[in-house]
N, C-alpha and C. Protein backbone atom coordinates (compact mmCIF):
# COMPACT_ATOMS: atom_id res chain seq x y z
N MET A 1 -13.94 -1.90 12.72
CA MET A 1 -12.70 -2.45 13.08
C MET A 1 -11.66 -1.91 12.19
N SER A 2 -10.67 -1.35 12.76
CA SER A 2 -9.56 -0.73 12.02
C SER A 2 -8.35 -1.67 11.97
N THR A 3 -7.77 -1.77 10.77
CA THR A 3 -6.65 -2.65 10.55
C THR A 3 -5.49 -1.71 10.11
N ARG A 4 -4.30 -2.14 10.41
CA ARG A 4 -3.12 -1.36 9.97
C ARG A 4 -2.20 -2.25 9.20
N SER A 5 -1.45 -1.72 8.32
CA SER A 5 -0.40 -2.43 7.57
C SER A 5 0.75 -2.75 8.43
N PRO A 6 1.34 -3.86 8.29
CA PRO A 6 2.55 -4.14 9.06
C PRO A 6 3.71 -3.18 8.70
N THR A 7 4.52 -2.81 9.58
CA THR A 7 5.71 -1.98 9.33
C THR A 7 6.75 -2.73 8.57
N LEU A 8 7.70 -2.03 8.03
CA LEU A 8 8.80 -2.64 7.33
C LEU A 8 9.49 -3.69 8.21
N ARG A 9 9.74 -3.31 9.45
CA ARG A 9 10.40 -4.16 10.40
C ARG A 9 9.57 -5.41 10.63
N GLU A 10 8.29 -5.28 10.79
CA GLU A 10 7.42 -6.45 11.04
C GLU A 10 7.43 -7.38 9.83
N ARG A 11 7.42 -6.80 8.59
CA ARG A 11 7.46 -7.65 7.42
C ARG A 11 8.73 -8.40 7.24
N ILE A 12 9.81 -7.76 7.56
CA ILE A 12 11.12 -8.42 7.51
C ILE A 12 11.16 -9.54 8.57
N GLU A 13 10.66 -9.31 9.75
CA GLU A 13 10.60 -10.37 10.81
C GLU A 13 9.82 -11.58 10.36
N ILE A 14 8.65 -11.34 9.61
CA ILE A 14 7.83 -12.42 9.14
C ILE A 14 8.62 -13.20 8.13
N LEU A 15 9.34 -12.54 7.24
CA LEU A 15 10.17 -13.23 6.22
C LEU A 15 11.22 -14.12 6.96
N ARG A 16 11.91 -13.51 7.89
CA ARG A 16 12.93 -14.28 8.65
C ARG A 16 12.34 -15.48 9.41
N ALA A 17 11.12 -15.31 9.95
CA ALA A 17 10.49 -16.36 10.68
C ALA A 17 10.09 -17.54 9.82
N THR A 18 9.82 -17.23 8.53
CA THR A 18 9.48 -18.32 7.62
C THR A 18 10.68 -18.90 6.94
N GLY A 19 11.84 -18.46 7.29
CA GLY A 19 13.06 -19.05 6.72
C GLY A 19 13.67 -18.35 5.52
N VAL A 20 13.10 -17.24 5.09
CA VAL A 20 13.58 -16.50 3.95
C VAL A 20 14.85 -15.68 4.47
N PRO A 21 15.93 -15.89 3.85
CA PRO A 21 17.15 -15.13 4.31
C PRO A 21 17.05 -13.67 3.84
N VAL A 22 17.20 -12.78 4.82
CA VAL A 22 17.17 -11.34 4.53
C VAL A 22 18.40 -10.74 5.25
N SER A 23 19.26 -10.21 4.48
CA SER A 23 20.49 -9.65 5.04
C SER A 23 20.16 -8.19 5.45
N SER A 24 21.08 -7.60 6.21
CA SER A 24 20.92 -6.20 6.54
C SER A 24 21.03 -5.31 5.34
N ALA A 25 21.83 -5.72 4.34
CA ALA A 25 21.86 -4.97 3.08
C ALA A 25 20.53 -5.06 2.29
N ASP A 26 19.92 -6.22 2.30
CA ASP A 26 18.58 -6.37 1.67
C ASP A 26 17.59 -5.44 2.41
N GLU A 27 17.66 -5.49 3.73
CA GLU A 27 16.75 -4.63 4.54
C GLU A 27 16.90 -3.15 4.22
N LYS A 28 18.13 -2.72 4.06
CA LYS A 28 18.38 -1.27 3.80
C LYS A 28 17.87 -0.96 2.32
N ARG A 29 18.12 -1.86 1.41
CA ARG A 29 17.64 -1.61 0.00
C ARG A 29 16.12 -1.51 -0.07
N VAL A 30 15.44 -2.40 0.64
CA VAL A 30 14.00 -2.41 0.65
C VAL A 30 13.54 -1.12 1.28
N GLY A 31 14.07 -0.78 2.47
CA GLY A 31 13.66 0.52 3.13
C GLY A 31 13.89 1.67 2.27
N ASP A 32 15.07 1.77 1.66
CA ASP A 32 15.42 2.95 0.78
C ASP A 32 14.40 3.00 -0.38
N SER A 33 14.08 1.83 -0.98
CA SER A 33 13.20 1.78 -2.13
C SER A 33 11.80 2.31 -1.68
N ILE A 34 11.30 1.84 -0.54
CA ILE A 34 10.00 2.28 -0.10
C ILE A 34 9.99 3.79 0.25
N ALA A 35 11.05 4.25 0.86
CA ALA A 35 11.06 5.66 1.18
C ALA A 35 11.07 6.48 -0.11
N ALA A 36 11.83 6.09 -1.11
CA ALA A 36 11.90 6.84 -2.38
C ALA A 36 10.55 6.82 -3.08
N SER A 37 9.85 5.67 -3.05
CA SER A 37 8.52 5.59 -3.60
C SER A 37 7.62 6.48 -2.90
N LEU A 38 7.56 6.53 -1.62
CA LEU A 38 6.65 7.41 -0.90
C LEU A 38 6.92 8.89 -1.21
N VAL A 39 8.18 9.24 -1.33
CA VAL A 39 8.50 10.65 -1.61
C VAL A 39 7.99 11.01 -3.00
N SER A 40 8.20 10.09 -3.98
CA SER A 40 7.72 10.31 -5.34
C SER A 40 6.24 10.39 -5.42
N LEU A 41 5.52 9.56 -4.73
CA LEU A 41 4.09 9.55 -4.69
C LEU A 41 3.58 10.83 -4.05
N ASP A 42 4.20 11.25 -3.00
CA ASP A 42 3.76 12.47 -2.36
C ASP A 42 4.00 13.65 -3.24
N SER A 43 5.03 13.73 -3.99
CA SER A 43 5.29 14.89 -4.90
C SER A 43 4.37 14.79 -6.14
N ALA A 44 3.94 13.60 -6.58
CA ALA A 44 3.10 13.46 -7.76
C ALA A 44 1.68 13.72 -7.48
N VAL A 45 1.19 13.38 -6.28
CA VAL A 45 -0.12 13.45 -5.98
C VAL A 45 -0.38 14.36 -4.77
N LYS A 46 -0.94 15.51 -5.05
CA LYS A 46 -1.26 16.45 -3.97
C LYS A 46 -2.70 16.34 -3.67
N GLY A 47 -3.04 16.27 -2.40
CA GLY A 47 -4.49 16.14 -2.00
C GLY A 47 -4.91 14.71 -2.21
N SER A 48 -6.15 14.57 -2.45
CA SER A 48 -6.83 13.26 -2.64
C SER A 48 -6.61 12.76 -4.09
N LEU A 49 -6.48 11.48 -4.20
CA LEU A 49 -6.37 10.91 -5.60
C LEU A 49 -7.68 11.12 -6.35
N PHE A 50 -8.81 11.41 -5.63
CA PHE A 50 -10.08 11.51 -6.28
C PHE A 50 -10.53 13.03 -6.46
N ASP A 51 -9.64 13.95 -6.18
CA ASP A 51 -9.99 15.35 -6.26
C ASP A 51 -10.48 15.73 -7.68
N THR A 52 -9.89 15.21 -8.71
CA THR A 52 -10.21 15.59 -10.03
C THR A 52 -11.37 14.77 -10.64
N GLU A 53 -11.67 13.65 -10.09
CA GLU A 53 -12.73 12.84 -10.68
C GLU A 53 -13.62 12.28 -9.55
N PRO A 54 -14.37 13.12 -8.86
CA PRO A 54 -15.19 12.59 -7.72
C PRO A 54 -16.17 11.51 -8.22
N GLN A 55 -16.67 11.60 -9.46
CA GLN A 55 -17.63 10.62 -9.93
C GLN A 55 -17.00 9.27 -9.95
N THR A 56 -15.71 9.17 -10.33
CA THR A 56 -15.00 7.94 -10.39
C THR A 56 -14.98 7.26 -9.04
N PHE A 57 -14.78 8.06 -7.96
CA PHE A 57 -14.83 7.51 -6.62
C PHE A 57 -16.19 6.89 -6.34
N ASP A 58 -17.22 7.66 -6.68
CA ASP A 58 -18.57 7.22 -6.38
C ASP A 58 -18.92 5.84 -7.16
N VAL A 59 -18.45 5.77 -8.41
CA VAL A 59 -18.63 4.53 -9.19
C VAL A 59 -17.96 3.36 -8.53
N VAL A 60 -16.69 3.53 -8.10
CA VAL A 60 -15.95 2.46 -7.48
C VAL A 60 -16.61 2.02 -6.20
N MET A 61 -17.02 3.02 -5.37
CA MET A 61 -17.70 2.68 -4.08
C MET A 61 -18.97 1.95 -4.36
N ARG A 62 -19.77 2.28 -5.37
CA ARG A 62 -20.99 1.54 -5.67
C ARG A 62 -20.72 0.14 -6.07
N LYS A 63 -19.63 -0.06 -6.92
CA LYS A 63 -19.31 -1.43 -7.39
C LYS A 63 -18.85 -2.24 -6.19
N LEU A 64 -18.11 -1.69 -5.26
CA LEU A 64 -17.63 -2.43 -4.13
C LEU A 64 -18.72 -2.76 -3.21
N ALA A 65 -19.81 -1.97 -3.20
CA ALA A 65 -20.91 -2.22 -2.28
C ALA A 65 -21.86 -3.34 -2.75
N LYS A 66 -21.68 -3.74 -3.98
CA LYS A 66 -22.57 -4.80 -4.51
C LYS A 66 -22.29 -6.11 -3.83
N PRO A 67 -23.28 -6.92 -3.63
CA PRO A 67 -23.08 -8.20 -2.99
C PRO A 67 -22.19 -9.15 -3.73
N THR A 68 -22.00 -8.95 -5.00
CA THR A 68 -21.17 -9.81 -5.85
C THR A 68 -19.69 -9.57 -5.66
N GLY A 69 -19.32 -8.65 -4.76
CA GLY A 69 -17.95 -8.34 -4.49
C GLY A 69 -17.33 -7.35 -5.46
N GLY A 70 -18.21 -6.61 -6.17
CA GLY A 70 -17.78 -5.65 -7.06
C GLY A 70 -17.63 -6.09 -8.43
N LYS A 71 -17.86 -7.40 -8.76
CA LYS A 71 -17.81 -7.87 -10.09
C LYS A 71 -19.11 -7.67 -10.78
N SER A 72 -19.01 -7.27 -12.09
CA SER A 72 -20.17 -7.03 -12.87
C SER A 72 -20.62 -8.27 -13.57
């Protein structure tokens, strides 16, 4: 089963539906902040986050697979 993250528009609509006031200026600031963060992340991380430490990925996956929910 595949899940997707809600879009910015959907998140803002959820806030408005619960009574949280969100102005169009707030909406623009949040959108601009997210866009800038994604650009920075893209320029900082090329390829997979696990390219340099594949063993780290394996360790995390093994911990998450434990029936205790990954807690040791």
